[in-house]
Every structure is written in structure tokens, then in C-alpha cells.
Amino acid sequence: MFSKQGDAQKLASFFQAGPMDVGHAHGAHSHSHGHEHEHGHNGHGHSHEGMEFVGRYDERDMPLARGDFGSRAFTVGVAGPVGSGKTG
């Protein structure tokens, strides 16, 4: 199974779990693409409106009219055009 003596030890050390360093701050650093930026762990780049209730499905705005599907050359389904042989 192993081509050289010691490969088993290398493979075993590869799969050994060590301590994980989580919750550390990255700080500022540079990359090879010529600019610096800071990675923060506070927030995620945008805010959310505070909501007291999730709402009701029957009170949602109706979707925009999508037209007559029968007059289209094809319709797009999940993973590609309908009838394109996705299932076999």
C-alpha cells in the first residue's frame, strides 16, 4: 500500500488533529495585488432592518407578470433550459 518506509507515519501525521486557533484578530496585512486592507470579525458588511413579525404570505406583493410562457422558444428551469436532457 505504501511505496516507501515512513509514508505511513507521514500519512498518520497528516491526519492528526492539532489545536485550532479560533477567534483571533487578523489585523492589517498586504497581498501581492498591491493594496492593504483590514479583516474584522465584527459585523458582516451590511445591516438589517429590525422586524417584530415575519409577515404573512397572503399579504406579500404579487410577483410581476412574467408574460406568456407558451410564446417563448424555451423556458429556463433549475440547472438549465427545460428539455435539455438534464435527467438522463
Protein backbone atom coordinates (compact mmCIF):
# COMPACT_ATOMS: atom_id res chain seq x y z
CA MET A 1 0.00 0.00 0.00
CA PHE A 2 2.80 2.44 0.85
CA SER A 3 5.66 2.87 -1.58
CA LYS A 4 8.33 3.89 0.93
CA GLN A 5 9.06 3.17 4.54
CA GLY A 6 7.88 6.13 6.61
CA ASP A 7 4.97 7.01 4.31
CA ALA A 8 2.56 5.56 6.86
CA GLN A 9 3.93 7.88 9.55
CA LYS A 10 3.67 10.89 7.21
CA LEU A 11 0.09 9.98 6.37
CA ALA A 12 -0.76 9.50 10.05
CA SER A 13 0.75 12.87 10.97
CA PHE A 14 -1.22 14.50 8.14
CA PHE A 15 -4.49 13.27 9.64
CA GLN A 16 -3.66 14.09 13.26
CA ALA A 17 -5.79 16.88 14.66
CA GLY A 18 -3.97 19.71 16.36
CA PRO A 19 -5.23 22.64 18.39
CA MET A 20 -7.40 25.05 16.42
CA ASP A 21 -6.66 28.76 16.64
CA VAL A 22 -10.09 30.38 16.55
CA GLY A 23 -11.24 33.84 17.50
CA HIS A 24 -8.02 35.62 16.66
CA ALA A 25 -7.72 39.05 15.03
CA HIS A 26 -6.11 39.22 11.61
CA GLY A 27 -5.11 42.88 11.65
CA ALA A 28 -3.88 44.73 8.58
CA HIS A 29 -1.81 42.86 6.03
CA SER A 30 -0.85 43.19 2.42
CA HIS A 31 -1.31 40.90 -0.55
CA SER A 32 0.64 40.60 -3.77
CA HIS A 33 -2.01 42.58 -5.65
CA GLY A 34 -0.70 45.89 -4.29
CA HIS A 35 -3.10 47.12 -1.65
CA GLU A 36 -3.75 46.66 2.03
CA HIS A 37 -6.96 46.03 3.85
CA GLU A 38 -8.19 45.03 7.28
CA HIS A 39 -10.14 41.91 8.13
CA GLY A 40 -12.53 42.43 11.01
CA HIS A 41 -14.68 39.96 12.85
CA ASN A 42 -17.26 42.50 13.99
CA GLY A 43 -20.36 42.52 11.80
CA HIS A 44 -20.66 41.23 8.27
CA GLY A 45 -20.64 44.25 5.98
CA HIS A 46 -24.29 45.27 5.94
CA SER A 47 -27.14 45.99 8.30
CA HIS A 48 -30.64 44.59 8.69
CA GLU A 49 -33.94 46.24 9.47
CA GLY A 50 -35.36 45.36 12.85
CA MET A 51 -38.56 43.36 12.38
CA GLU A 52 -41.09 42.44 15.04
CA PHE A 53 -43.02 39.93 12.89
CA VAL A 54 -42.05 37.80 9.90
CA GLY A 55 -45.14 38.79 7.96
CA ARG A 56 -47.89 36.85 6.24
CA TYR A 57 -47.61 35.10 2.91
CA ASP A 58 -51.03 36.28 1.75
CA GLU A 59 -50.04 39.92 2.40
CA ARG A 60 -46.95 39.85 0.17
CA ASP A 61 -46.78 41.85 -3.05
CA MET A 62 -47.74 39.80 -6.08
CA PRO A 63 -44.90 38.96 -8.49
CA LEU A 64 -44.54 40.92 -11.70
CA ALA A 65 -46.32 39.48 -14.74
CA ARG A 66 -43.93 37.13 -16.50
CA GLY A 67 -45.68 37.01 -19.85
CA ASP A 68 -46.99 34.13 -21.88
CA PHE A 69 -44.73 31.09 -21.45
CA GLY A 70 -46.30 29.42 -24.49
CA SER A 71 -44.90 32.08 -26.82
CA ARG A 72 -41.31 31.57 -25.71
CA ALA A 73 -38.82 29.40 -27.57
CA PHE A 74 -37.77 27.82 -24.26
CA THR A 75 -38.09 28.34 -20.53
CA VAL A 76 -35.23 28.05 -18.08
CA GLY A 77 -35.62 25.56 -15.27
CA VAL A 78 -33.31 24.63 -12.44
CA ALA A 79 -29.85 23.80 -13.85
CA GLY A 80 -30.68 24.69 -17.46
CA PRO A 81 -33.29 25.00 -20.17
CA VAL A 82 -36.35 22.79 -19.95
CA GLY A 83 -36.00 19.80 -22.27
CA SER A 84 -32.20 19.92 -22.44
CA GLY A 85 -31.72 16.37 -21.13
CA LYS A 86 -30.70 17.12 -17.55
CA THR A 87 -32.27 13.93 -16.21
CA GLY A 88 -30.65 11.47 -18.49
